[in-house]
Amino acid sequence: MTKTTKTLIMVTCLALTGAATASAQVQPEPAARGFVSVNVGAQPARSTISTSGSFQIYDETGTFSSAAGVQNSSFFDLNGGLKVWRNLSVGIGYSGFSSRSSSSVTSSVPHPLFFNRPSTTTQVVPDLQRTEHGVHIMAVWRVPVTSKIDVSISFGPSFIKVEQQFVSSGTVATGTQTFTPTLSTESGSVKGANAGFDGTYMFSSRFGVGLLLRYAGGSGDLATLKGVSAGGFQTGVGGRFRF
């Protein structure tokens, strides 16, 4: 369990303790049978994609290495669920994330005429695309605070499809030491977990607004990229619908 997840759980427990005390002093409306929530917000967590390789040219070995940081960006989130017992609901959610980042590429290319005279250069490759599509299964426990305000916590597994563009190799024009990066794209599924807190204010018995604080992420391997991190801490605001 990551430090971010532990912190989120502690904050959530404290919030629920306070909510439980408050709920004992009020008589809220009965819990809804189901819910739908829509959020937009930020996913600030960053990760780095690193690659390296070697190639033969001019009877010597050339090398390259690259490092691309996945940048902060916005995310979209849609969730829905049904009450199964008291204030406990089960739900499923979808989140979408997309960002572009640059990669720093360092290459060492042998000289076409002289041995042990490599040329080492560093260049920047812009606009490498990262997309994430997450499906989150959740058990949600909701605690009414007043007839219009409630808080809830959620836990469950997450499954995130990742698509990442990266520097996979390169070419050198004949008779030169100029390295031109070659880009590739890989995709795959990453398994993880989610833990979240939601605070909601209802304008009516059906419609309201809310604040979402959640960790939803994990890590896994793609075809050649190993230990790829996906998701992370998310914060968003949006609409709430109860039925």
C-alpha atoms as a PDB file:
ATOM      1  CA  MET A   1       0.000   0.000   0.000  1.00  0.00           C
ATOM      2  CA  THR A   2       1.458   3.370  -1.033  1.00  0.00           C
ATOM      3  CA  LYS A   3       1.966   6.348   1.271  1.00  0.00           C
ATOM      4  CA  THR A   4      -0.704   8.259  -0.689  1.00  0.00           C
ATOM      5  CA  THR A   5      -3.236   5.473  -0.132  1.00  0.00           C
ATOM      6  CA  LYS A   6      -2.487   5.286   3.607  1.00  0.00           C
ATOM      7  CA  THR A   7      -2.897   9.047   3.962  1.00  0.00           C
ATOM      8  CA  LEU A   8      -6.194   8.999   2.064  1.00  0.00           C
ATOM      9  CA  ILE A   9      -7.546   6.198   4.246  1.00  0.00           C
ATOM     10  CA  MET A  10      -6.596   8.054   7.444  1.00  0.00           C
ATOM     11  CA  VAL A  11      -8.280  11.270   6.260  1.00  0.00           C
ATOM     12  CA  THR A  12     -11.367   9.326   5.232  1.00  0.00           C
ATOM     13  CA  CYS A  13     -11.643   7.558   8.586  1.00  0.00           C
ATOM     14  CA  LEU A  14     -11.417  10.863  10.451  1.00  0.00           C
ATOM     15  CA  ALA A  15     -14.065  12.376   8.211  1.00  0.00           C
ATOM     16  CA  LEU A  16     -16.401   9.423   8.742  1.00  0.00           C
ATOM     17  CA  THR A  17     -15.927   9.562  12.498  1.00  0.00           C
ATOM     18  CA  GLY A  18     -17.018  13.180  12.510  1.00  0.00           C
ATOM     19  CA  ALA A  19     -19.875  12.435  10.139  1.00  0.00           C
ATOM     20  CA  ALA A  20     -21.134   9.581  12.296  1.00  0.00           C
ATOM     21  CA  THR A  21     -21.254  11.887  15.342  1.00  0.00           C
ATOM     22  CA  ALA A  22     -23.139  14.505  13.375  1.00  0.00           C
ATOM     23  CA  SER A  23     -25.557  11.988  11.872  1.00  0.00           C
ATOM     24  CA  ALA A  24     -26.580  10.845  15.344  1.00  0.00           C
ATOM     25  CA  GLN A  25     -27.906  14.354  15.991  1.00  0.00           C
ATOM     26  CA  VAL A  26     -30.016  14.671  12.822  1.00  0.00           C
ATOM     27  CA  GLN A  27     -32.677  12.653  11.049  1.00  0.00           C
ATOM     28  CA  PRO A  28     -31.608  12.580   7.376  1.00  0.00           C
ATOM     29  CA  GLU A  29     -33.695  11.494   4.452  1.00  0.00           C
ATOM     30  CA  PRO A  30     -33.683   7.760   3.672  1.00  0.00           C
ATOM     31  CA  ALA A  31     -30.731   6.583   1.601  1.00  0.00           C
ATOM     32  CA  ALA A  32     -31.312   6.515  -2.138  1.00  0.00           C
ATOM     33  CA  ARG A  33     -31.557   3.202  -3.975  1.00  0.00           C
ATOM     34  CA  GLY A  34     -28.851   4.164  -6.451  1.00  0.00           C
ATOM     35  CA  PHE A  35     -26.487   6.910  -7.542  1.00  0.00           C
ATOM     36  CA  VAL A  36     -24.699   8.370 -10.550  1.00  0.00           C
ATOM     37  CA  SER A  37     -21.817  10.814 -10.332  1.00  0.00           C
ATOM     38  CA  VAL A  38     -19.866  12.710 -12.986  1.00  0.00           C
ATOM     39  CA  ASN A  39     -16.552  14.444 -12.228  1.00  0.00           C
ATOM     40  CA  VAL A  40     -13.862  16.433 -13.952  1.00  0.00           C
ATOM     41  CA  GLY A  41     -10.573  17.197 -12.268  1.00  0.00           C
ATOM     42  CA  ALA A  42      -6.822  16.723 -12.143  1.00  0.00           C
ATOM     43  CA  GLN A  43      -4.524  13.717 -11.971  1.00  0.00           C
ATOM     44  CA  PRO A  44      -1.246  15.252 -10.725  1.00  0.00           C
ATOM     45  CA  ALA A  45       0.813  12.074 -10.246  1.00  0.00           C
ATOM     46  CA  ARG A  46       3.838  11.736 -12.538  1.00  0.00           C
ATOM     47  CA  SER A  47       5.887   8.780 -13.736  1.00  0.00           C
ATOM     48  CA  THR A  48       8.868   8.248 -16.052  1.00  0.00           C
ATOM     49  CA  ILE A  49       9.243   5.990 -19.086  1.00  0.00           C
ATOM     50  CA  SER A  50      12.889   5.034 -19.701  1.00  0.00           C
ATOM     51  CA  THR A  51      14.299   3.094 -22.652  1.00  0.00           C
ATOM     52  CA  SER A  52      17.780   2.238 -23.948  1.00  0.00           C
ATOM     53  CA  GLY A  53      19.423   0.178 -26.661  1.00  0.00           C
ATOM     54  CA  SER A  54      22.431  -0.416 -28.863  1.00  0.00           C
ATOM     55  CA  PHE A  55      23.099  -0.797 -32.584  1.00  0.00           C
ATOM     56  CA  GLN A  56      25.972  -1.759 -34.876  1.00  0.00           C
ATOM     57  CA  ILE A  57      27.377   0.778 -37.340  1.00  0.00           C
ATOM     58  CA  TYR A  58      30.802   1.432 -38.878  1.00  0.00           C
ATOM     59  CA  ASP A  59      32.057  -1.808 -37.275  1.00  0.00           C
ATOM     60  CA  GLU A  60      31.431  -0.373 -33.804  1.00  0.00           C
ATOM     61  CA  THR A  61      28.571  -0.236 -31.290  1.00  0.00           C
ATOM     62  CA  GLY A  62      26.380   2.808 -30.870  1.00  0.00           C
ATOM     63  CA  THR A  63      24.018   3.386 -27.964  1.00  0.00           C
ATOM     64  CA  PHE A  64      20.990   5.483 -27.015  1.00  0.00           C
ATOM     65  CA  SER A  65      18.907   6.115 -23.899  1.00  0.00           C
ATOM     66  CA  SER A  66      15.725   8.101 -23.348  1.00  0.00           C
ATOM     67  CA  ALA A  67      13.605   9.321 -20.432  1.00  0.00           C
ATOM     68  CA  ALA A  68      10.073  10.704 -20.792  1.00  0.00           C
ATOM     69  CA  GLY A  69       8.028  11.988 -17.872  1.00  0.00           C
ATOM     70  CA  VAL A  70       4.253  11.497 -17.941  1.00  0.00           C
ATOM     71  CA  GLN A  71       2.888  14.971 -17.296  1.00  0.00           C
ATOM     72  CA  ASN A  72       0.015  16.176 -15.133  1.00  0.00           C
ATOM     73  CA  SER A  73      -3.299  16.519 -16.908  1.00  0.00           C
ATOM     74  CA  SER A  74      -7.064  16.528 -16.447  1.00  0.00           C
ATOM     75  CA  PHE A  75      -9.277  13.462 -16.139  1.00  0.00           C
ATOM     76  CA  PHE A  76     -12.946  12.606 -16.633  1.00  0.00           C
ATOM     77  CA  ASP A  77     -14.812  10.274 -14.302  1.00  0.00           C
ATOM     78  CA  LEU A  78     -18.243   8.595 -14.404  1.00  0.00           C
ATOM     79  CA  ASN A  79     -19.578   6.309 -11.642  1.00  0.00           C
ATOM     80  CA  GLY A  80     -22.814   4.525 -10.832  1.00  0.00           C
ATOM     81  CA  GLY A  81     -24.059   2.052  -8.235  1.00  0.00           C
ATOM     82  CA  LEU A  82     -26.928   0.454  -6.339  1.00  0.00           C
ATOM     83  CA  LYS A  83     -27.599   0.064  -2.617  1.00  0.00           C
ATOM     84  CA  VAL A  84     -27.332  -3.547  -1.444  1.00  0.00           C
ATOM     85  CA  TRP A  85     -27.590  -3.254   2.363  1.00  0.00           C
ATOM     86  CA  ARG A  86     -28.251  -0.309   4.678  1.00  0.00           C
ATOM     87  CA  ASN A  87     -25.819   2.409   3.521  1.00  0.00           C
ATOM     88  CA  LEU A  88     -23.639   0.004   1.540  1.00  0.00           C
ATOM     89  CA  SER A  89     -23.666   0.201  -2.266  1.00  0.00           C
ATOM     90  CA  VAL A  90     -21.727  -1.559  -4.983  1.00  0.00           C
ATOM     91  CA  GLY A  91     -20.711   0.374  -8.055  1.00  0.00           C
ATOM     92  CA  ILE A  92     -18.572   0.624 -11.119  1.00  0.00           C
ATOM     93  CA  GLY A  93     -16.769   3.614 -12.571  1.00  0.00           C
ATOM     94  CA  TYR A  94     -14.856   4.735 -15.628  1.00  0.00           C
ATOM     95  CA  SER A  95     -12.060   7.310 -15.777  1.00  0.00           C
ATOM     96  CA  GLY A  96     -10.229   8.700 -18.786  1.00  0.00           C
ATOM     97  CA  PHE A  97      -6.843  10.465 -18.807  1.00  0.00           C
ATOM     98  CA  SER A  98      -4.631  11.799 -21.605  1.00  0.00           C
ATOM     99  CA  SER A  99      -1.398  13.803 -21.667  1.00  0.00           C
ATOM    100  CA  ARG A 100       1.549  14.672 -23.885  1.00  0.00           C
ATOM    101  CA  SER A 101       5.158  14.912 -22.756  1.00  0.00           C
ATOM    102  CA  SER A 102       8.658  15.240 -24.188  1.00  0.00           C
ATOM    103  CA  SER A 103      11.504  12.733 -24.061  1.00  0.00           C
ATOM    104  CA  SER A 104      15.188  13.515 -23.612  1.00  0.00           C
ATOM    105  CA  VAL A 105      17.277  11.241 -25.875  1.00  0.00           C
ATOM    106  CA  THR A 106      21.040  10.823 -25.491  1.00  0.00           C
ATOM    107  CA  SER A 107      22.900   8.954 -28.237  1.00  0.00           C
ATOM    108  CA  SER A 108      26.500   7.905 -28.883  1.00  0.00           C
ATOM    109  CA  VAL A 109      27.298   7.258 -32.564  1.00  0.00           C
ATOM    110  CA  PRO A 110      30.698   5.965 -33.797  1.00  0.00           C
ATOM    111  CA  HIS A 111      32.699   7.957 -36.347  1.00  0.00           C
ATOM    112  CA  PRO A 112      32.413   6.662 -39.950  1.00  0.00           C
ATOM    113  CA  LEU A 113      36.196   6.868 -40.512  1.00  0.00           C
ATOM    114  CA  PHE A 114      37.994   6.753 -37.149  1.00  0.00           C
ATOM    115  CA  PHE A 115      37.726   4.203 -34.336  1.00  0.00           C
ATOM    116  CA  ASN A 116      36.925   5.350 -30.777  1.00  0.00           C
ATOM    117  CA  ARG A 117      35.707   8.764 -31.943  1.00  0.00           C
ATOM    118  CA  PRO A 118      32.007   8.643 -31.060  1.00  0.00           C
ATOM    119  CA  SER A 119      29.744  11.673 -31.153  1.00  0.00           C
ATOM    120  CA  THR A 120      27.500  12.043 -28.097  1.00  0.00           C
ATOM    121  CA  THR A 121      24.426  14.245 -28.473  1.00  0.00           C
ATOM    122  CA  THR A 122      21.233  14.966 -26.530  1.00  0.00           C
ATOM    123  CA  GLN A 123      17.993  15.955 -28.193  1.00  0.00           C
ATOM    124  CA  VAL A 124      14.360  16.399 -27.192  1.00  0.00           C
ATOM    125  CA  VAL A 125      11.496  14.513 -28.812  1.00  0.00           C
ATOM    126  CA  PRO A 126       8.196  16.352 -28.127  1.00  0.00           C
ATOM    127  CA  ASP A 127       4.550  15.309 -27.868  1.00  0.00           C
ATOM    128  CA  LEU A 128       4.753  11.679 -26.781  1.00  0.00           C
ATOM    129  CA  GLN A 129       1.174  10.534 -26.146  1.00  0.00           C
ATOM    130  CA  ARG A 130      -0.091   8.736 -23.012  1.00  0.00           C
ATOM    131  CA  THR A 131      -3.717   7.658 -22.624  1.00  0.00           C
ATOM    132  CA  GLU A 132      -5.386   5.744 -19.803  1.00  0.00           C
ATOM    133  CA  HIS A 133      -8.851   4.191 -19.620  1.00  0.00           C
ATOM    134  CA  GLY A 134      -9.682   2.907 -16.152  1.00  0.00           C
ATOM    135  CA  VAL A 135     -12.505   0.684 -14.899  1.00  0.00           C
ATOM    136  CA  HIS A 136     -13.006   0.777 -11.132  1.00  0.00           C
ATOM    137  CA  ILE A 137     -15.099  -1.671  -9.084  1.00  0.00           C
ATOM    138  CA  MET A 138     -16.207  -0.127  -5.783  1.00  0.00           C
ATOM    139  CA  ALA A 139     -17.843  -0.929  -2.474  1.00  0.00           C
ATOM    140  CA  VAL A 140     -19.283   2.388  -1.241  1.00  0.00           C
ATOM    141  CA  TRP A 141     -20.331   3.177   2.344  1.00  0.00           C
ATOM    142  CA  ARG A 142     -22.315   6.395   2.700  1.00  0.00           C
ATOM    143  CA  VAL A 143     -22.870   8.294   5.956  1.00  0.00           C
ATOM    144  CA  PRO A 144     -25.547  11.062   6.071  1.00  0.00           C
ATOM    145  CA  VAL A 145     -24.451  14.178   7.957  1.00  0.00           C
ATOM    146  CA  THR A 146     -27.627  16.236   7.479  1.00  0.00           C
ATOM    147  CA  SER A 147     -30.654  15.902   5.222  1.00  0.00           C
ATOM    148  CA  LYS A 148     -28.611  17.531   2.427  1.00  0.00           C
ATOM    149  CA  ILE A 149     -24.981  16.591   3.165  1.00  0.00           C
ATOM    150  CA  ASP A 150     -23.360  13.166   3.223  1.00  0.00           C
ATOM    151  CA  VAL A 151     -19.888  11.679   2.932  1.00  0.00           C
ATOM    152  CA  SER A 152     -18.811   8.299   1.633  1.00  0.00           C
ATOM    153  CA  ILE A 153     -15.763   6.103   1.272  1.00  0.00           C
ATOM    154  CA  SER A 154     -15.087   3.575  -1.456  1.00  0.00           C
ATOM    155  CA  PHE A 155     -12.618   0.748  -1.999  1.00  0.00           C
ATOM    156  CA  GLY A 156     -12.031  -1.819  -4.696  1.00  0.00           C
ATOM    157  CA  PRO A 157      -9.884  -3.093  -7.582  1.00  0.00           C
ATOM    158  CA  SER A 158      -8.986  -1.046 -10.662  1.00  0.00           C
ATOM    159  CA  PHE A 159      -8.167  -2.168 -14.204  1.00  0.00           C
ATOM    160  CA  ILE A 160      -6.459   0.437 -16.378  1.00  0.00           C
ATOM    161  CA  LYS A 161      -5.703   0.151 -20.091  1.00  0.00           C
ATOM    162  CA  VAL A 162      -2.537   2.116 -20.873  1.00  0.00           C
ATOM    163  CA  GLU A 163      -1.278   3.274 -24.263  1.00  0.00           C
ATOM    164  CA  GLN A 164       2.204   4.820 -24.296  1.00  0.00           C
ATOM    165  CA  GLN A 165       4.315   6.308 -27.095  1.00  0.00           C
ATOM    166  CA  PHE A 166       8.083   6.101 -26.546  1.00  0.00           C
ATOM    167  CA  VAL A 167      11.536   6.106 -28.201  1.00  0.00           C
ATOM    168  CA  SER A 168      12.210   2.488 -29.164  1.00  0.00           C
ATOM    169  CA  SER A 169      15.228   2.757 -31.491  1.00  0.00           C
ATOM    170  CA  GLY A 170      16.817   5.072 -34.031  1.00  0.00           C
ATOM    171  CA  THR A 171      18.508   5.419 -37.394  1.00  0.00           C
ATOM    172  CA  VAL A 172      21.778   6.987 -38.546  1.00  0.00           C
ATOM    173  CA  ALA A 173      22.132   8.389 -42.046  1.00  0.00           C
ATOM    174  CA  THR A 174      25.009   6.740 -43.962  1.00  0.00           C
ATOM    175  CA  GLY A 175      28.317   8.542 -43.527  1.00  0.00           C
ATOM    176  CA  THR A 176      27.074  10.734 -40.660  1.00  0.00           C
ATOM    177  CA  GLN A 177      26.845  10.638 -36.869  1.00  0.00           C
ATOM    178  CA  THR A 178      23.322  12.010 -36.810  1.00  0.00           C
ATOM    179  CA  PHE A 179      20.936   9.894 -34.711  1.00  0.00           C
ATOM    180  CA  THR A 180      17.231  10.098 -35.576  1.00  0.00           C
ATOM    181  CA  PRO A 181      14.911   8.591 -32.908  1.00  0.00           C
ATOM    182  CA  THR A 182      12.258   6.064 -33.931  1.00  0.00           C
ATOM    183  CA  LEU A 183       8.948   6.089 -32.038  1.00  0.00           C
ATOM    184  CA  SER A 184       6.753   3.124 -31.125  1.00  0.00           C
ATOM    185  CA  THR A 185       3.466   2.729 -29.267  1.00  0.00           C
ATOM    186  CA  GLU A 186       2.573  -0.068 -26.853  1.00  0.00           C
ATOM    187  CA  SER A 187      -0.631  -0.784 -24.957  1.00  0.00           C
ATOM    188  CA  GLY A 188      -1.662  -3.161 -22.225  1.00  0.00           C
ATOM    189  CA  SER A 189      -3.686  -3.571 -19.040  1.00  0.00           C
ATOM    190  CA  VAL A 190      -2.497  -2.633 -15.563  1.00  0.00           C
ATOM    191  CA  LYS A 191      -4.099  -3.994 -12.392  1.00  0.00           C
ATOM    192  CA  GLY A 192      -4.344  -1.855  -9.259  1.00  0.00           C
ATOM    193  CA  ALA A 193      -6.670  -0.597  -6.562  1.00  0.00           C
ATOM    194  CA  ASN A 194      -8.812   2.408  -5.704  1.00  0.00           C
ATOM    195  CA  ALA A 195      -9.658   4.115  -2.419  1.00  0.00           C
ATOM    196  CA  GLY A 196     -11.717   7.276  -2.351  1.00  0.00           C
ATOM    197  CA  PHE A 197     -13.595   9.899  -0.368  1.00  0.00           C
ATOM    198  CA  ASP A 198     -16.649  11.774  -1.648  1.00  0.00           C
ATOM    199  CA  GLY A 199     -18.440  14.704  -0.018  1.00  0.00           C
ATOM    200  CA  THR A 200     -21.857  15.582  -1.445  1.00  0.00           C
ATOM    201  CA  TYR A 201     -24.323  18.453  -1.059  1.00  0.00           C
ATOM    202  CA  MET A 202     -27.808  17.710  -2.435  1.00  0.00           C
ATOM    203  CA  PHE A 203     -29.883  20.617  -3.765  1.00  0.00           C
ATOM    204  CA  SER A 204     -32.912  18.316  -3.857  1.00  0.00           C
ATOM    205  CA  SER A 205     -33.672  14.677  -3.220  1.00  0.00           C
ATOM    206  CA  ARG A 206     -32.208  13.819  -6.642  1.00  0.00           C
ATOM    207  CA  PHE A 207     -29.620  16.398  -7.675  1.00  0.00           C
ATOM    208  CA  GLY A 208     -26.480  17.720  -6.035  1.00  0.00           C
ATOM    209  CA  VAL A 209     -22.773  18.505  -6.349  1.00  0.00           C
ATOM    210  CA  GLY A 210     -19.757  16.829  -4.817  1.00  0.00           C
ATOM    211  CA  LEU A 211     -16.017  16.717  -4.239  1.00  0.00           C
ATOM    212  CA  LEU A 212     -14.010  13.574  -5.068  1.00  0.00           C
ATOM    213  CA  LEU A 213     -10.627  12.662  -3.550  1.00  0.00           C
ATOM    214  CA  ARG A 214      -9.337   9.302  -4.730  1.00  0.00           C
ATOM    215  CA  TYR A 215      -6.321   7.153  -5.366  1.00  0.00           C
ATOM    216  CA  ALA A 216      -6.826   4.856  -8.352  1.00  0.00           C
ATOM    217  CA  GLY A 217      -3.711   3.317  -9.830  1.00  0.00           C
ATOM    218  CA  GLY A 218      -1.337   0.426 -10.227  1.00  0.00           C
ATOM    219  CA  SER A 219       1.649  -0.786 -12.202  1.00  0.00           C
ATOM    220  CA  GLY A 220       2.425  -3.524 -14.702  1.00  0.00           C
ATOM    221  CA  ASP A 221       4.400  -4.535 -17.767  1.00  0.00           C
ATOM    222  CA  LEU A 222       3.696  -3.820 -21.418  1.00  0.00           C
ATOM    223  CA  ALA A 223       5.323  -5.734 -24.246  1.00  0.00           C
ATOM    224  CA  THR A 224       8.794  -4.209 -23.762  1.00  0.00           C
ATOM    225  CA  LEU A 225       8.161  -1.454 -21.200  1.00  0.00           C
ATOM    226  CA  LYS A 226       8.482  -2.865 -17.683  1.00  0.00           C
ATOM    227  CA  GLY A 227       7.060  -1.505 -14.437  1.00  0.00           C
ATOM    228  CA  VAL A 228       4.762   1.055 -16.080  1.00  0.00           C
ATOM    229  CA  SER A 229       2.793   3.071 -13.505  1.00  0.00           C
ATOM    230  CA  ALA A 230      -0.750   4.168 -14.344  1.00  0.00           C
ATOM    231  CA  GLY A 231      -3.296   6.344 -12.599  1.00  0.00           C
ATOM    232  CA  GLY A 232      -2.563   7.858  -9.212  1.00  0.00           C
ATOM    233  CA  PHE A 233      -4.115  10.460  -6.935  1.00  0.00           C
ATOM    234  CA  GLN A 234      -7.154  12.183  -8.436  1.00  0.00           C
ATOM    235  CA  THR A 235      -9.208  15.143  -7.281  1.00  0.00           C
ATOM    236  CA  GLY A 236     -12.359  16.375  -8.982  1.00  0.00           C
ATOM    237  CA  VAL A 237     -15.737  18.057  -8.669  1.00  0.00           C
ATOM    238  CA  GLY A 238     -19.001  17.354 -10.433  1.00  0.00           C
ATOM    239  CA  GLY A 239     -22.665  16.508 -10.377  1.00  0.00           C
ATOM    240  CA  ARG A 240     -24.519  13.922  -8.293  1.00  0.00           C
ATOM    241  CA  PHE A 241     -27.790  12.154  -9.122  1.00  0.00           C
ATOM    242  CA  ARG A 242     -29.761   9.906  -6.762  1.00  0.00           C
ATOM    243  CA  PHE A 243     -32.686   7.658  -7.631  1.00  0.00           C
END
